[in-house]
Amino acid sequence: NQLDKTNFLGVSGPIQFGENQTDRISGSYYSIKNVQSSVYGLNYVSVLEYADPDNFRVPLQENTIVWPGNTLTPPTGRASLK
């Protein structure tokens, strides 16, 4: 069956079809991205990835996280509602 041979990376992770399967065959996949501005617009830069089971990894090209205010220093406080 051609559908059983189909697989692709969807928004929420790898998608693969299988006979008598109603759940993901290859588990969950998440990518944490940092939104950074540039002269060309916004860039979505991967900073951490997770795939089942318990497999965290930093992308091959280690990317710097840019924090609000265009700084490389992580915030030390916390947001407060007024």
C-alpha atoms as a PDB file:
ATOM      1  CA  ASN A   1       0.000   0.000   0.000  1.00  0.00           C
ATOM      2  CA  GLN A   2       1.448   3.364  -1.035  1.00  0.00           C
ATOM      3  CA  LEU A   3       0.005   5.148   2.024  1.00  0.00           C
ATOM      4  CA  ASP A   4       1.982   2.854   4.360  1.00  0.00           C
ATOM      5  CA  LYS A   5       5.207   4.027   2.658  1.00  0.00           C
ATOM      6  CA  THR A   6       4.416   7.731   3.135  1.00  0.00           C
ATOM      7  CA  ASN A   7       6.205   9.738   5.835  1.00  0.00           C
ATOM      8  CA  PHE A   8       6.981  13.426   6.314  1.00  0.00           C
ATOM      9  CA  LEU A   9       7.756  16.031   8.982  1.00  0.00           C
ATOM     10  CA  GLY A  10       4.508  17.703  10.040  1.00  0.00           C
ATOM     11  CA  VAL A  11       3.972  20.736  12.278  1.00  0.00           C
ATOM     12  CA  SER A  12       3.875  18.567  15.416  1.00  0.00           C
ATOM     13  CA  GLY A  13       6.558  16.068  14.395  1.00  0.00           C
ATOM     14  CA  PRO A  14       7.201  13.129  12.079  1.00  0.00           C
ATOM     15  CA  ILE A  15       4.097  11.679  10.401  1.00  0.00           C
ATOM     16  CA  GLN A  16       4.037   8.072   9.243  1.00  0.00           C
ATOM     17  CA  PHE A  17       1.145   5.785   8.432  1.00  0.00           C
ATOM     18  CA  GLY A  18       0.907   2.115   9.336  1.00  0.00           C
ATOM     19  CA  GLU A  19      -1.563  -0.722   9.184  1.00  0.00           C
ATOM     20  CA  ASN A  20      -3.779  -0.955  12.301  1.00  0.00           C
ATOM     21  CA  GLN A  21      -2.060   2.099  13.894  1.00  0.00           C
ATOM     22  CA  THR A  22      -4.076   5.023  15.251  1.00  0.00           C
ATOM     23  CA  ASP A  23      -1.235   6.833  17.039  1.00  0.00           C
ATOM     24  CA  ARG A  24       2.142   8.225  16.040  1.00  0.00           C
ATOM     25  CA  ILE A  25       4.520   5.503  14.965  1.00  0.00           C
ATOM     26  CA  SER A  26       7.687   7.409  15.786  1.00  0.00           C
ATOM     27  CA  GLY A  27       6.630   9.406  18.876  1.00  0.00           C
ATOM     28  CA  SER A  28       6.704  13.135  19.524  1.00  0.00           C
ATOM     29  CA  TYR A  29       9.044  15.756  18.133  1.00  0.00           C
ATOM     30  CA  TYR A  30       9.389  19.360  19.307  1.00  0.00           C
ATOM     31  CA  SER A  31      11.661  22.188  18.221  1.00  0.00           C
ATOM     32  CA  ILE A  32      12.184  25.279  20.401  1.00  0.00           C
ATOM     33  CA  LYS A  33      12.884  28.341  18.305  1.00  0.00           C
ATOM     34  CA  ASN A  34      14.078  31.845  19.170  1.00  0.00           C
ATOM     35  CA  VAL A  35      12.521  34.665  17.121  1.00  0.00           C
ATOM     36  CA  GLN A  36      15.243  37.098  16.034  1.00  0.00           C
ATOM     37  CA  SER A  37      14.905  40.214  13.903  1.00  0.00           C
ATOM     38  CA  SER A  38      17.218  41.008  11.017  1.00  0.00           C
ATOM     39  CA  VAL A  39      17.326  43.484   8.155  1.00  0.00           C
ATOM     40  CA  TYR A  40      15.368  40.900   6.113  1.00  0.00           C
ATOM     41  CA  GLY A  41      12.568  40.412   8.680  1.00  0.00           C
ATOM     42  CA  LEU A  42      12.111  37.791  11.395  1.00  0.00           C
ATOM     43  CA  ASN A  43      14.230  34.640  11.652  1.00  0.00           C
ATOM     44  CA  TYR A  44      13.106  31.557  13.583  1.00  0.00           C
ATOM     45  CA  VAL A  45      16.303  30.013  14.954  1.00  0.00           C
ATOM     46  CA  SER A  46      16.291  26.482  16.470  1.00  0.00           C
ATOM     47  CA  VAL A  47      17.891  26.386  19.919  1.00  0.00           C
ATOM     48  CA  LEU A  48      16.744  22.981  21.254  1.00  0.00           C
ATOM     49  CA  GLU A  49      15.038  19.889  19.863  1.00  0.00           C
ATOM     50  CA  TYR A  50      13.295  16.989  21.593  1.00  0.00           C
ATOM     51  CA  ALA A  51      12.286  13.622  20.210  1.00  0.00           C
ATOM     52  CA  ASP A  52      10.855  10.629  22.071  1.00  0.00           C
ATOM     53  CA  PRO A  53      11.985   8.968  24.192  1.00  0.00           C
ATOM     54  CA  ASP A  54      13.906  11.486  26.350  1.00  0.00           C
ATOM     55  CA  ASN A  55      16.147  12.634  23.530  1.00  0.00           C
ATOM     56  CA  PHE A  56      17.103  16.317  23.835  1.00  0.00           C
ATOM     57  CA  ARG A  57      19.656  17.719  21.438  1.00  0.00           C
ATOM     58  CA  VAL A  58      21.149  21.055  20.509  1.00  0.00           C
ATOM     59  CA  PRO A  59      21.076  21.673  16.732  1.00  0.00           C
ATOM     60  CA  LEU A  60      24.359  21.024  14.884  1.00  0.00           C
ATOM     61  CA  GLN A  61      24.907  24.757  14.527  1.00  0.00           C
ATOM     62  CA  GLU A  62      24.699  26.084  18.098  1.00  0.00           C
ATOM     63  CA  ASN A  63      22.683  29.300  17.956  1.00  0.00           C
ATOM     64  CA  THR A  64      22.772  32.250  20.335  1.00  0.00           C
ATOM     65  CA  ILE A  65      19.507  33.149  22.096  1.00  0.00           C
ATOM     66  CA  VAL A  66      18.600  36.808  21.694  1.00  0.00           C
ATOM     67  CA  TRP A  67      16.421  38.035  24.582  1.00  0.00           C
ATOM     68  CA  PRO A  68      13.820  40.844  24.518  1.00  0.00           C
ATOM     69  CA  GLY A  69      15.529  44.217  24.169  1.00  0.00           C
ATOM     70  CA  ASN A  70      17.979  42.654  21.682  1.00  0.00           C
ATOM     71  CA  THR A  71      20.317  41.546  24.477  1.00  0.00           C
ATOM     72  CA  LEU A  72      22.318  38.349  24.995  1.00  0.00           C
ATOM     73  CA  THR A  73      21.837  38.519  28.782  1.00  0.00           C
ATOM     74  CA  PRO A  74      18.892  36.432  30.083  1.00  0.00           C
ATOM     75  CA  PRO A  75      16.380  38.368  32.191  1.00  0.00           C
ATOM     76  CA  THR A  76      16.899  38.002  35.954  1.00  0.00           C
ATOM     77  CA  GLY A  77      13.479  39.082  37.163  1.00  0.00           C
ATOM     78  CA  ARG A  78      10.027  37.938  36.282  1.00  0.00           C
ATOM     79  CA  ALA A  79       7.094  39.608  34.613  1.00  0.00           C
ATOM     80  CA  SER A  80       4.553  41.264  36.877  1.00  0.00           C
ATOM     81  CA  LEU A  81       0.963  42.154  36.115  1.00  0.00           C
ATOM     82  CA  LYS A  82      -0.158  45.658  37.070  1.00  0.00           C
END
